[in-house]
């Protein structure tokens, strides 16, 4: 089973084995690129047709890694 997003409830389900992995968004990058893109539009600059904001795959093998845990959020 694969989930999307990283609330604590899904992290708990990974730990219990109910979920195999989740795809966690990077909300800081989403916000950053949203503001940068809005500014570019308002000032007449070109905007790329696709802006990647990153993601992290969380599994039982890496869920305790601090670099991965930073993308867990509370429900």
Protein backbone atom coordinates (compact mmCIF):
# COMPACT_ATOMS: atom_id res chain seq x y z
CA UNK A 1 0.00 0.00 0.00
CA UNK A 2 1.33 3.43 -0.93
CA UNK A 3 -0.05 6.64 0.57
CA UNK A 4 0.33 10.31 -0.29
CA UNK A 5 1.29 13.02 2.24
CA UNK A 6 2.93 12.62 5.61
CA UNK A 7 0.62 13.21 8.55
CA UNK A 8 1.54 11.43 11.76
CA UNK A 9 -1.32 8.96 11.23
CA UNK A 10 0.26 7.63 8.02
CA UNK A 11 3.70 7.52 9.64
CA UNK A 12 2.17 5.38 12.40
CA UNK A 13 0.67 3.10 9.73
CA UNK A 14 4.11 2.69 8.15
CA UNK A 15 5.51 1.71 11.55
CA UNK A 16 2.71 -0.85 12.02
CA UNK A 17 3.17 -2.30 8.53
CA UNK A 18 -0.29 -1.31 7.27
CA UNK A 19 1.26 1.14 4.77
CA UNK A 20 4.48 0.32 2.90
CA UNK A 21 5.45 3.85 1.94
CA UNK A 22 4.17 7.37 1.55
CA UNK A 23 5.09 10.18 -0.78
CA UNK A 24 5.65 13.32 1.28
CA UNK A 25 5.35 16.77 -0.25
CA UNK A 26 7.82 19.57 0.50
CA UNK A 27 5.52 22.36 1.67
CA UNK A 28 8.27 24.98 2.11
CA UNK A 29 9.31 24.58 -1.52
CA UNK A 30 5.67 24.73 -2.66
CA UNK A 31 5.21 28.03 -0.82
CA UNK A 32 8.55 29.44 -1.98
CA UNK A 33 7.96 28.70 -5.65
CA UNK A 34 4.37 29.93 -5.41
CA UNK A 35 5.57 33.34 -4.22
CA UNK A 36 8.45 33.47 -6.72
CA UNK A 37 6.08 32.56 -9.56
CA UNK A 38 3.49 35.16 -8.51
CA UNK A 39 6.18 37.83 -8.36
CA UNK A 40 7.50 36.80 -11.80
CA UNK A 41 4.00 37.04 -13.25
CA UNK A 42 3.33 40.45 -11.70
CA UNK A 43 6.63 41.85 -12.98
CA UNK A 44 6.27 40.47 -16.51
CA UNK A 45 9.00 37.84 -16.22
CA UNK A 46 8.74 34.48 -17.93
CA UNK A 47 7.47 31.54 -15.92
CA UNK A 48 8.55 27.97 -16.62
CA UNK A 49 5.68 25.65 -17.59
CA UNK A 50 6.72 23.12 -14.93
CA UNK A 51 8.16 23.81 -11.49
CA UNK A 52 9.19 20.79 -9.43
CA UNK A 53 8.78 21.24 -5.70
CA UNK A 54 10.29 17.96 -4.58
CA UNK A 55 9.06 14.97 -2.65
CA UNK A 56 10.43 12.38 -0.25
CA UNK A 57 9.58 8.69 -0.18
CA UNK A 58 9.07 7.53 3.40
CA UNK A 59 9.41 3.84 4.26
CA UNK A 60 9.99 1.79 7.39
CA UNK A 61 13.69 1.80 6.50
CA UNK A 62 14.10 5.59 6.54
CA UNK A 63 11.25 6.92 8.70
CA UNK A 64 13.58 7.53 11.68
CA UNK A 65 16.07 9.58 9.65
CA UNK A 66 15.93 13.26 10.75
CA UNK A 67 16.25 14.35 7.10
CA UNK A 68 13.04 12.42 6.37
CA UNK A 69 11.21 13.26 9.59
CA UNK A 70 11.29 16.98 8.80
CA UNK A 71 8.48 16.37 6.27
CA UNK A 72 6.11 14.79 8.81
CA UNK A 73 3.34 17.09 9.94
CA UNK A 74 0.67 16.83 12.62
CA UNK A 75 -2.88 15.86 11.65
